Amino acid sequence: MRTLQGRCPGIWLVVLLAALWPLFAQAQSNSTLERQVKAAYLYKFAGFVEWPEGSFTRPDSAVVIGVAGADALAEQLEQTVAGHTANGRPLQVRRIRKGDSLAGVHMLFVASQDKGLAQELLAASRGQPVLTVTDADETFGLGSMINFVIADERLRFEVSLKPAAVSRLKISARMLSAAYRVQQVAG
């Protein structure tokens, strides 16, 4: 006697996919939500950082937020910042690729997927007035200033003050109080 499985192997695939679809949809939804929250954080960070004199060419120059290795986040961030300002400055998003110059970039998000790209860009920004933001644990050792972490099932951020001080960036106490963790400047 042949079973249903033997006669219609394709139906089991359809049944399996139908059963797993809610999990795929939830994962997609979580990914979208995570991107939206990261974009909102990046937008808000711009208002809580003070760049050193000479960081902007004109008083009305935009705060340029570079995004490397995360085109979907760049797209979300473009939507998030459209028509908004930070400390009276318009916000602009620029996608950064391997080998691109960081000239004119004030904030830089580097996704964790490409460790080589993260190393290259964090090294290029070291000592420059560029607020660096990442989402991989080991990037604090590479000089990242802010790192996204998942804590208590929520997207949070931690701050390392030493690279910010080296880059002459001042991070507001209000932002530091909202951080999950703050690594103080050793001294």
N, C-alpha and C. Protein backbone atom coordinates (compact mmCIF):
# COMPACT_ATOMS: atom_id res chain seq x y z
N MET A 1 0.84 -1.17 0.00
CA MET A 1 0.00 0.00 0.00
C MET A 1 0.89 1.24 0.00
N ARG A 2 0.67 2.10 -0.96
CA ARG A 2 1.47 3.34 -1.04
C ARG A 2 0.86 4.40 -0.13
N THR A 3 1.72 5.13 0.53
CA THR A 3 1.24 6.19 1.41
C THR A 3 1.07 7.46 0.60
N LEU A 4 0.39 8.40 1.22
CA LEU A 4 0.22 9.71 0.59
C LEU A 4 1.59 10.35 0.34
N GLN A 5 2.52 10.09 1.25
CA GLN A 5 3.86 10.66 1.10
C GLN A 5 4.52 10.11 -0.15
N GLY A 6 4.37 8.83 -0.43
CA GLY A 6 4.99 8.24 -1.60
C GLY A 6 4.37 8.73 -2.89
N ARG A 7 3.05 8.97 -2.92
CA ARG A 7 2.37 9.40 -4.14
C ARG A 7 2.54 10.88 -4.42
N CYS A 8 2.61 11.70 -3.40
CA CYS A 8 2.65 13.16 -3.59
C CYS A 8 3.77 13.79 -2.75
N PRO A 9 5.03 13.55 -3.12
CA PRO A 9 6.10 14.12 -2.29
C PRO A 9 6.06 15.65 -2.26
N GLY A 10 5.57 16.28 -3.32
CA GLY A 10 5.51 17.74 -3.36
C GLY A 10 4.54 18.32 -2.35
N ILE A 11 3.52 17.57 -2.01
CA ILE A 11 2.53 18.10 -1.07
C ILE A 11 3.14 18.28 0.32
N TRP A 12 4.07 17.40 0.68
CA TRP A 12 4.71 17.55 2.00
C TRP A 12 5.57 18.80 2.04
N LEU A 13 6.18 19.11 0.94
CA LEU A 13 6.96 20.35 0.88
C LEU A 13 6.04 21.56 1.05
N VAL A 14 4.89 21.52 0.38
CA VAL A 14 3.92 22.62 0.51
C VAL A 14 3.41 22.72 1.95
N VAL A 15 3.09 21.57 2.55
CA VAL A 15 2.60 21.56 3.94
C VAL A 15 3.68 22.09 4.88
N LEU A 16 4.92 21.65 4.67
CA LEU A 16 6.02 22.10 5.52
C LEU A 16 6.23 23.61 5.37
N LEU A 17 6.23 24.10 4.14
CA LEU A 17 6.40 25.54 3.93
C LEU A 17 5.25 26.34 4.54
N ALA A 18 4.05 25.83 4.41
CA ALA A 18 2.89 26.52 5.00
C ALA A 18 3.02 26.56 6.51
N ALA A 19 3.51 25.47 7.10
CA ALA A 19 3.66 25.43 8.56
C ALA A 19 4.78 26.37 9.02
N LEU A 20 5.83 26.49 8.23
CA LEU A 20 6.97 27.32 8.63
C LEU A 20 6.84 28.78 8.20
N TRP A 21 5.90 29.09 7.32
CA TRP A 21 5.75 30.46 6.82
C TRP A 21 5.64 31.49 7.94
N PRO A 22 4.84 31.25 9.00
CA PRO A 22 4.77 32.25 10.07
C PRO A 22 6.14 32.53 10.70
N LEU A 23 6.99 31.50 10.80
CA LEU A 23 8.32 31.73 11.35
C LEU A 23 9.16 32.59 10.41
N PHE A 24 9.08 32.33 9.09
CA PHE A 24 9.80 33.16 8.12
C PHE A 24 9.28 34.60 8.15
N ALA A 25 7.97 34.75 8.22
CA ALA A 25 7.37 36.09 8.26
C ALA A 25 7.79 36.82 9.53
N GLN A 26 7.83 36.10 10.66
CA GLN A 26 8.25 36.72 11.92
C GLN A 26 9.71 37.15 11.84
N ALA A 27 10.56 36.29 11.27
CA ALA A 27 11.97 36.65 11.12
C ALA A 27 12.12 37.88 10.24
N GLN A 28 11.35 37.93 9.13
CA GLN A 28 11.39 39.10 8.25
C GLN A 28 10.90 40.33 8.98
N SER A 29 9.84 40.17 9.76
CA SER A 29 9.29 41.28 10.53
C SER A 29 10.31 41.78 11.55
N ASN A 30 10.99 40.83 12.23
CA ASN A 30 12.01 41.21 13.21
C ASN A 30 13.15 41.95 12.54
N SER A 31 13.55 41.49 11.35
CA SER A 31 14.62 42.15 10.61
C SER A 31 14.22 43.57 10.23
N THR A 32 13.00 43.73 9.78
CA THR A 32 12.50 45.06 9.42
C THR A 32 12.44 45.96 10.65
N LEU A 33 11.93 45.43 11.74
CA LEU A 33 11.84 46.19 12.98
C LEU A 33 13.23 46.59 13.47
N GLU A 34 14.18 45.67 13.41
CA GLU A 34 15.54 45.97 13.85
C GLU A 34 16.13 47.09 13.00
N ARG A 35 15.92 47.03 11.68
CA ARG A 35 16.40 48.10 10.78
C ARG A 35 15.77 49.44 11.14
N GLN A 36 14.47 49.44 11.41
CA GLN A 36 13.78 50.68 11.76
C GLN A 36 14.32 51.26 13.07
N VAL A 37 14.58 50.41 14.05
CA VAL A 37 15.09 50.88 15.33
C VAL A 37 16.52 51.41 15.17
N LYS A 38 17.35 50.69 14.41
CA LYS A 38 18.71 51.18 14.17
C LYS A 38 18.68 52.53 13.46
N ALA A 39 17.82 52.68 12.47
CA ALA A 39 17.72 53.95 11.76
C ALA A 39 17.28 55.06 12.71
N ALA A 40 16.33 54.77 13.57
CA ALA A 40 15.87 55.77 14.54
C ALA A 40 16.99 56.16 15.50
N TYR A 41 17.75 55.18 15.96
CA TYR A 41 18.89 55.47 16.84
C TYR A 41 19.91 56.35 16.12
N LEU A 42 20.27 55.98 14.90
CA LEU A 42 21.26 56.77 14.15
C LEU A 42 20.80 58.20 13.98
N TYR A 43 19.54 58.37 13.66
CA TYR A 43 18.97 59.71 13.53
C TYR A 43 19.10 60.47 14.85
N LYS A 44 18.73 59.83 15.94
CA LYS A 44 18.79 60.49 17.26
C LYS A 44 20.22 60.76 17.71
N PHE A 45 21.15 59.85 17.42
CA PHE A 45 22.55 60.06 17.81
C PHE A 45 23.06 61.40 17.29
N ALA A 46 22.68 61.77 16.08
CA ALA A 46 23.17 63.01 15.47
C ALA A 46 22.85 64.23 16.32
N GLY A 47 21.77 64.19 17.07
CA GLY A 47 21.39 65.32 17.92
C GLY A 47 22.06 65.34 19.28
N PHE A 48 22.80 64.29 19.61
CA PHE A 48 23.42 64.20 20.93
C PHE A 48 24.94 64.16 20.87
N VAL A 49 25.48 64.58 19.74
CA VAL A 49 26.94 64.61 19.56
C VAL A 49 27.35 66.02 19.18
N GLU A 50 28.45 66.46 19.74
CA GLU A 50 29.02 67.76 19.38
C GLU A 50 30.33 67.51 18.65
N TRP A 51 30.40 67.98 17.40
CA TRP A 51 31.60 67.82 16.59
C TRP A 51 32.53 69.00 16.82
N PRO A 52 33.84 68.79 16.69
CA PRO A 52 34.78 69.89 16.90
C PRO A 52 34.66 70.96 15.81
N GLU A 53 35.10 72.14 16.16
CA GLU A 53 35.08 73.25 15.20
C GLU A 53 35.84 72.84 13.94
N GLY A 54 35.29 73.21 12.79
CA GLY A 54 35.91 72.88 11.51
C GLY A 54 35.40 71.58 10.90
N SER A 55 34.52 70.88 11.60
CA SER A 55 33.99 69.62 11.07
C SER A 55 33.02 69.83 9.93
N PHE A 56 32.42 71.02 9.86
CA PHE A 56 31.45 71.34 8.82
C PHE A 56 31.98 72.52 8.03
N THR A 57 31.80 72.47 6.71
CA THR A 57 32.33 73.53 5.87
C THR A 57 31.56 74.84 6.02
N ARG A 58 30.26 74.75 6.29
CA ARG A 58 29.43 75.95 6.45
C ARG A 58 28.48 75.75 7.65
N PRO A 59 27.94 76.83 8.17
CA PRO A 59 27.00 76.70 9.30
C PRO A 59 25.74 75.90 8.95
N ASP A 60 25.39 75.85 7.66
CA ASP A 60 24.19 75.12 7.27
C ASP A 60 24.50 73.78 6.59
N SER A 61 25.76 73.32 6.70
CA SER A 61 26.14 72.03 6.11
C SER A 61 25.38 70.90 6.78
N ALA A 62 25.09 69.87 6.01
CA ALA A 62 24.37 68.71 6.51
C ALA A 62 25.27 67.83 7.37
N VAL A 63 24.64 67.13 8.30
CA VAL A 63 25.29 66.04 9.01
C VAL A 63 25.20 64.84 8.05
N VAL A 64 26.34 64.36 7.60
CA VAL A 64 26.37 63.25 6.65
C VAL A 64 26.57 61.95 7.42
N ILE A 65 25.60 61.04 7.24
CA ILE A 65 25.65 59.74 7.90
C ILE A 65 26.00 58.70 6.84
N GLY A 66 27.20 58.15 6.95
CA GLY A 66 27.63 57.10 6.03
C GLY A 66 27.15 55.74 6.52
N VAL A 67 26.75 54.91 5.60
CA VAL A 67 26.32 53.55 5.94
C VAL A 67 27.10 52.59 5.04
N ALA A 68 27.81 51.65 5.67
CA ALA A 68 28.62 50.69 4.92
C ALA A 68 28.14 49.27 5.21
N GLY A 69 27.95 48.51 4.15
CA GLY A 69 27.60 47.11 4.29
C GLY A 69 26.17 46.83 4.69
N ALA A 70 25.29 47.81 4.52
CA ALA A 70 23.90 47.63 4.93
C ALA A 70 22.98 48.51 4.09
N ASP A 71 22.79 48.14 2.83
CA ASP A 71 21.98 48.94 1.92
C ASP A 71 20.53 49.07 2.39
N ALA A 72 19.97 48.00 2.96
CA ALA A 72 18.59 48.07 3.44
C ALA A 72 18.48 49.06 4.59
N LEU A 73 19.48 49.11 5.46
CA LEU A 73 19.48 50.09 6.55
C LEU A 73 19.64 51.49 5.99
N ALA A 74 20.50 51.67 5.00
CA ALA A 74 20.68 52.98 4.38
C ALA A 74 19.36 53.49 3.81
N GLU A 75 18.64 52.59 3.15
CA GLU A 75 17.34 52.97 2.59
C GLU A 75 16.35 53.37 3.69
N GLN A 76 16.32 52.58 4.77
CA GLN A 76 15.44 52.90 5.90
C GLN A 76 15.84 54.23 6.53
N LEU A 77 17.14 54.45 6.68
CA LEU A 77 17.64 55.68 7.28
C LEU A 77 17.29 56.89 6.42
N GLU A 78 17.38 56.74 5.10
CA GLU A 78 16.98 57.84 4.20
C GLU A 78 15.53 58.23 4.45
N GLN A 79 14.67 57.25 4.62
CA GLN A 79 13.26 57.53 4.91
C GLN A 79 13.09 58.18 6.28
N THR A 80 13.85 57.70 7.24
CA THR A 80 13.73 58.19 8.61
C THR A 80 14.16 59.65 8.73
N VAL A 81 15.25 60.04 8.07
CA VAL A 81 15.79 61.39 8.24
C VAL A 81 15.23 62.40 7.25
N ALA A 82 14.48 61.95 6.26
CA ALA A 82 13.95 62.85 5.23
C ALA A 82 13.19 64.00 5.88
N GLY A 83 13.63 65.22 5.60
CA GLY A 83 12.96 66.41 6.09
C GLY A 83 13.28 66.76 7.54
N HIS A 84 14.16 66.00 8.19
CA HIS A 84 14.49 66.25 9.60
C HIS A 84 15.87 66.92 9.72
N THR A 85 16.10 67.50 10.87
CA THR A 85 17.38 68.11 11.16
C THR A 85 17.89 67.61 12.51
N ALA A 86 19.17 67.86 12.75
CA ALA A 86 19.80 67.59 14.05
C ALA A 86 20.60 68.82 14.41
N ASN A 87 20.25 69.44 15.52
CA ASN A 87 20.92 70.67 15.96
C ASN A 87 20.90 71.73 14.85
N GLY A 88 19.79 71.81 14.13
CA GLY A 88 19.61 72.82 13.09
C GLY A 88 20.25 72.48 11.76
N ARG A 89 20.85 71.31 11.64
CA ARG A 89 21.50 70.91 10.40
C ARG A 89 20.67 69.83 9.71
N PRO A 90 20.54 69.93 8.38
CA PRO A 90 19.84 68.85 7.68
C PRO A 90 20.65 67.55 7.78
N LEU A 91 19.99 66.45 7.56
CA LEU A 91 20.64 65.14 7.62
C LEU A 91 20.69 64.54 6.22
N GLN A 92 21.80 63.90 5.91
CA GLN A 92 22.00 63.30 4.60
C GLN A 92 22.61 61.92 4.78
N VAL A 93 22.17 60.96 4.00
CA VAL A 93 22.70 59.60 4.07
C VAL A 93 23.56 59.33 2.85
N ARG A 94 24.72 58.73 3.08
CA ARG A 94 25.62 58.39 1.98
C ARG A 94 26.05 56.93 2.14
N ARG A 95 25.90 56.16 1.09
CA ARG A 95 26.31 54.75 1.13
C ARG A 95 27.83 54.69 0.88
N ILE A 96 28.50 53.97 1.74
CA ILE A 96 29.96 53.87 1.68
C ILE A 96 30.33 52.47 1.20
N ARG A 97 31.22 52.40 0.24
CA ARG A 97 31.71 51.12 -0.29
C ARG A 97 33.21 50.99 0.03
N LYS A 98 33.71 49.80 -0.10
CA LYS A 98 35.14 49.54 0.13
C LYS A 98 35.96 50.48 -0.76
N GLY A 99 36.91 51.15 -0.16
CA GLY A 99 37.78 52.05 -0.90
C GLY A 99 37.29 53.49 -0.97
N ASP A 100 36.03 53.75 -0.57
CA ASP A 100 35.50 55.11 -0.60
C ASP A 100 36.18 55.98 0.46
N SER A 101 36.30 57.25 0.15
CA SER A 101 36.82 58.22 1.10
C SER A 101 35.75 58.54 2.14
N LEU A 102 36.19 58.83 3.34
CA LEU A 102 35.26 59.24 4.40
C LEU A 102 35.19 60.76 4.53
N ALA A 103 35.81 61.48 3.58
CA ALA A 103 35.78 62.94 3.61
C ALA A 103 34.33 63.42 3.61
N GLY A 104 34.01 64.30 4.53
CA GLY A 104 32.67 64.86 4.62
C GLY A 104 31.68 64.03 5.40
N VAL A 105 32.08 62.85 5.88
CA VAL A 105 31.19 62.00 6.67
C VAL A 105 31.35 62.37 8.15
N HIS A 106 30.22 62.52 8.84
CA HIS A 106 30.24 62.88 10.26
C HIS A 106 29.89 61.71 11.17
N MET A 107 29.06 60.82 10.67
CA MET A 107 28.72 59.59 11.37
C MET A 107 28.91 58.45 10.39
N LEU A 108 29.31 57.29 10.91
CA LEU A 108 29.54 56.14 10.04
C LEU A 108 29.02 54.89 10.72
N PHE A 109 28.05 54.24 10.08
CA PHE A 109 27.60 52.93 10.54
C PHE A 109 28.25 51.88 9.66
N VAL A 110 28.87 50.88 10.29
CA VAL A 110 29.49 49.77 9.57
C VAL A 110 28.84 48.48 10.05
N ALA A 111 28.22 47.76 9.13
CA ALA A 111 27.55 46.49 9.46
C ALA A 111 28.59 45.42 9.75
N SER A 112 28.19 44.45 10.54
CA SER A 112 29.11 43.41 10.99
C SER A 112 29.41 42.34 9.96
N GLN A 113 28.67 42.26 8.87
CA GLN A 113 28.83 41.17 7.92
C GLN A 113 30.23 41.10 7.31
N ASP A 114 30.84 42.21 7.04
CA ASP A 114 32.15 42.23 6.38
C ASP A 114 33.20 42.77 7.36
N LYS A 115 33.87 41.84 8.02
CA LYS A 115 34.85 42.23 9.04
C LYS A 115 36.02 43.01 8.44
N GLY A 116 36.42 42.65 7.21
CA GLY A 116 37.50 43.37 6.55
C GLY A 116 37.13 44.82 6.28
N LEU A 117 35.90 45.02 5.82
CA LEU A 117 35.41 46.38 5.58
C LEU A 117 35.35 47.17 6.88
N ALA A 118 34.90 46.52 7.95
CA ALA A 118 34.83 47.18 9.26
C ALA A 118 36.22 47.61 9.70
N GLN A 119 37.19 46.72 9.57
CA GLN A 119 38.57 47.05 9.96
C GLN A 119 39.08 48.23 9.15
N GLU A 120 38.86 48.18 7.83
CA GLU A 120 39.35 49.24 6.94
C GLU A 120 38.74 50.60 7.30
N LEU A 121 37.43 50.64 7.45
CA LEU A 121 36.76 51.91 7.69
C LEU A 121 37.02 52.45 9.09
N LEU A 122 37.06 51.57 10.08
CA LEU A 122 37.35 52.04 11.44
C LEU A 122 38.79 52.56 11.54
N ALA A 123 39.72 51.92 10.83
CA ALA A 123 41.09 52.41 10.80
C ALA A 123 41.16 53.77 10.10
N ALA A 124 40.43 53.92 8.98
CA ALA A 124 40.43 55.19 8.23
C ALA A 124 39.81 56.32 9.03
N SER A 125 38.88 56.01 9.91
CA SER A 125 38.20 57.07 10.67
C SER A 125 38.89 57.39 12.00
N ARG A 126 39.84 56.57 12.41
CA ARG A 126 40.51 56.77 13.69
C ARG A 126 41.13 58.16 13.78
N GLY A 127 40.78 58.89 14.82
CA GLY A 127 41.31 60.22 15.04
C GLY A 127 40.59 61.31 14.26
N GLN A 128 39.70 60.92 13.35
CA GLN A 128 38.91 61.88 12.57
C GLN A 128 37.62 62.19 13.34
N PRO A 129 37.02 63.36 13.13
CA PRO A 129 35.77 63.68 13.82
C PRO A 129 34.56 62.96 13.21
N VAL A 130 34.60 61.63 13.27
CA VAL A 130 33.54 60.78 12.71
C VAL A 130 33.03 59.87 13.82
N LEU A 131 31.76 59.99 14.13
CA LEU A 131 31.14 59.11 15.13
C LEU A 131 30.94 57.75 14.48
N THR A 132 31.60 56.72 14.99
CA THR A 132 31.52 55.39 14.39
C THR A 132 30.55 54.52 15.19
N VAL A 133 29.70 53.82 14.44
CA VAL A 133 28.68 52.95 15.03
C VAL A 133 28.75 51.60 14.32
N THR A 134 28.71 50.53 15.11
CA THR A 134 28.79 49.18 14.56
C THR A 134 27.74 48.29 15.23
N ASP A 135 27.71 47.03 14.79
CA ASP A 135 26.80 46.08 15.43
C ASP A 135 27.47 44.72 15.63
N ALA A 136 28.77 44.73 15.93
CA ALA A 136 29.52 43.49 16.19
C ALA A 136 30.35 43.68 17.46
N ASP A 137 30.37 42.66 18.29
CA ASP A 137 31.04 42.75 19.59
C ASP A 137 32.50 43.15 19.51
N GLU A 138 33.25 42.57 18.58
CA GLU A 138 34.69 42.81 18.55
C GLU A 138 35.09 44.18 18.01
N THR A 139 34.15 44.99 17.58
CA THR A 139 34.50 46.27 16.95
C THR A 139 34.94 47.34 17.95
N PHE A 140 34.61 47.19 19.24
CA PHE A 140 35.13 48.16 20.21
C PHE A 140 36.66 48.11 20.21
N GLY A 141 37.21 46.93 20.05
CA GLY A 141 38.66 46.78 20.00
C GLY A 141 39.26 47.40 18.75
N LEU A 142 38.44 47.61 17.73
CA LEU A 142 38.91 48.23 16.48
C LEU A 142 38.72 49.74 16.49
N GLY A 143 38.09 50.27 17.53
CA GLY A 143 37.92 51.70 17.64
C GLY A 143 36.52 52.23 17.44
N SER A 144 35.53 51.36 17.40
CA SER A 144 34.15 51.83 17.29
C SER A 144 33.75 52.59 18.56
N MET A 145 32.93 53.61 18.40
CA MET A 145 32.49 54.43 19.53
C MET A 145 31.16 53.96 20.10
N ILE A 146 30.29 53.50 19.22
CA ILE A 146 28.97 53.02 19.63
C ILE A 146 28.75 51.66 18.98
N ASN A 147 28.20 50.74 19.75
CA ASN A 147 27.94 49.41 19.23
C ASN A 147 26.52 49.00 19.62
N PHE A 148 25.76 48.54 18.62
CA PHE A 148 24.42 48.02 18.90
C PHE A 148 24.54 46.62 19.49
N VAL A 149 23.72 46.35 20.50
CA VAL A 149 23.68 45.03 21.13
C VAL A 149 22.22 44.66 21.38
N ILE A 150 21.98 43.36 21.45
CA ILE A 150 20.66 42.89 21.86
C ILE A 150 20.76 42.56 23.35
N ALA A 151 19.96 43.23 24.17
CA ALA A 151 19.95 42.99 25.62
C ALA A 151 18.49 42.93 26.06
N ASP A 152 18.17 41.90 26.81
CA ASP A 152 16.79 41.72 27.28
C ASP A 152 15.80 41.75 26.11
N GLU A 153 16.20 41.11 24.99
CA GLU A 153 15.38 41.01 23.78
C GLU A 153 15.05 42.37 23.16
N ARG A 154 15.88 43.36 23.43
CA ARG A 154 15.69 44.69 22.86
C ARG A 154 17.01 45.15 22.25
N LEU A 155 16.90 45.96 21.20
CA LEU A 155 18.09 46.54 20.60
C LEU A 155 18.52 47.72 21.46
N ARG A 156 19.73 47.66 21.96
CA ARG A 156 20.27 48.71 22.80
C ARG A 156 21.62 49.14 22.20
N PHE A 157 22.29 50.06 22.88
CA PHE A 157 23.61 50.45 22.40
C PHE A 157 24.55 50.66 23.58
N GLU A 158 25.82 50.44 23.30
CA GLU A 158 26.86 50.70 24.29
C GLU A 158 27.82 51.71 23.68
N VAL A 159 28.49 52.45 24.55
CA VAL A 159 29.35 53.55 24.10
C VAL A 159 30.76 53.35 24.67
N SER A 160 31.77 53.58 23.85
CA SER A 160 33.16 53.59 24.28
C SER A 160 33.66 55.03 24.14
N LEU A 161 33.98 55.63 25.27
CA LEU A 161 34.35 57.05 25.27
C LEU A 161 35.77 57.34 24.78
N LYS A 162 36.68 56.37 24.89
CA LYS A 162 38.07 56.62 24.50
C LYS A 162 38.20 57.00 23.03
N PRO A 163 37.66 56.21 22.08
CA PRO A 163 37.80 56.63 20.68
C PRO A 163 37.07 57.93 20.38
N ALA A 164 35.99 58.21 21.09
CA ALA A 164 35.28 59.49 20.90
C ALA A 164 36.17 60.65 21.34
N ALA A 165 36.85 60.48 22.47
CA ALA A 165 37.75 61.53 22.96
C ALA A 165 38.91 61.75 21.99
N VAL A 166 39.46 60.66 21.45
CA VAL A 166 40.57 60.77 20.49
C VAL A 166 40.11 61.54 19.25
N SER A 167 38.85 61.38 18.87
CA SER A 167 38.30 62.06 17.69
C SER A 167 37.73 63.43 18.01
N ARG A 168 37.86 63.86 19.24
CA ARG A 168 37.40 65.18 19.72
C ARG A 168 35.88 65.34 19.62
N LEU A 169 35.16 64.24 19.77
CA LEU A 169 33.70 64.27 19.76
C LEU A 169 33.20 64.28 21.20
N LYS A 170 32.18 65.08 21.44
CA LYS A 170 31.58 65.12 22.78
C LYS A 170 30.19 64.50 22.67
N ILE A 171 29.99 63.46 23.46
CA ILE A 171 28.71 62.76 23.48
C ILE A 171 27.94 63.25 24.70
N SER A 172 26.72 63.67 24.47
CA SER A 172 25.88 64.23 25.52
C SER A 172 25.66 63.25 26.67
N ALA A 173 25.60 63.80 27.88
CA ALA A 173 25.32 63.00 29.07
C ALA A 173 23.94 62.34 28.96
N ARG A 174 23.01 63.00 28.29
CA ARG A 174 21.68 62.40 28.10
C ARG A 174 21.76 61.13 27.27
N MET A 175 22.59 61.15 26.24
CA MET A 175 22.76 59.95 25.43
C MET A 175 23.46 58.86 26.23
N LEU A 176 24.46 59.24 26.99
CA LEU A 176 25.19 58.26 27.80
C LEU A 176 24.28 57.62 28.85
N SER A 177 23.35 58.39 29.37
CA SER A 177 22.44 57.84 30.39
C SER A 177 21.47 56.83 29.77
N ALA A 178 21.23 56.93 28.47
CA ALA A 178 20.33 55.99 27.79
C ALA A 178 21.07 54.74 27.31
N ALA A 179 22.41 54.77 27.36
CA ALA A 179 23.20 53.64 26.87
C ALA A 179 23.05 52.43 27.79
N TYR A 180 23.15 51.27 27.20
CA TYR A 180 23.12 50.03 27.97
C TYR A 180 24.38 49.90 28.82
N ARG A 181 25.50 50.33 28.24
CA ARG A 181 26.78 50.27 28.95
C ARG A 181 27.66 51.37 28.40
N VAL A 182 28.51 51.94 29.26
CA VAL A 182 29.46 52.98 28.84
C VAL A 182 30.84 52.56 29.31
N GLN A 183 31.78 52.49 28.37
CA GLN A 183 33.18 52.24 28.71
C GLN A 183 33.85 53.60 28.86
N GLN A 184 34.30 53.87 30.07
CA GLN A 184 34.91 55.16 30.38
C GLN A 184 36.30 55.26 29.76
N VAL A 185 36.81 56.48 29.67
CA VAL A 185 38.16 56.72 29.20
C VAL A 185 39.11 56.31 30.33
N ALA A 186 40.05 55.42 30.02
CA ALA A 186 41.03 55.02 31.03
C ALA A 186 42.00 56.17 31.26
N GLY A 187 42.34 56.37 32.46
CA GLY A 187 43.26 57.47 32.67
C GLY A 187 43.56 57.61 34.04
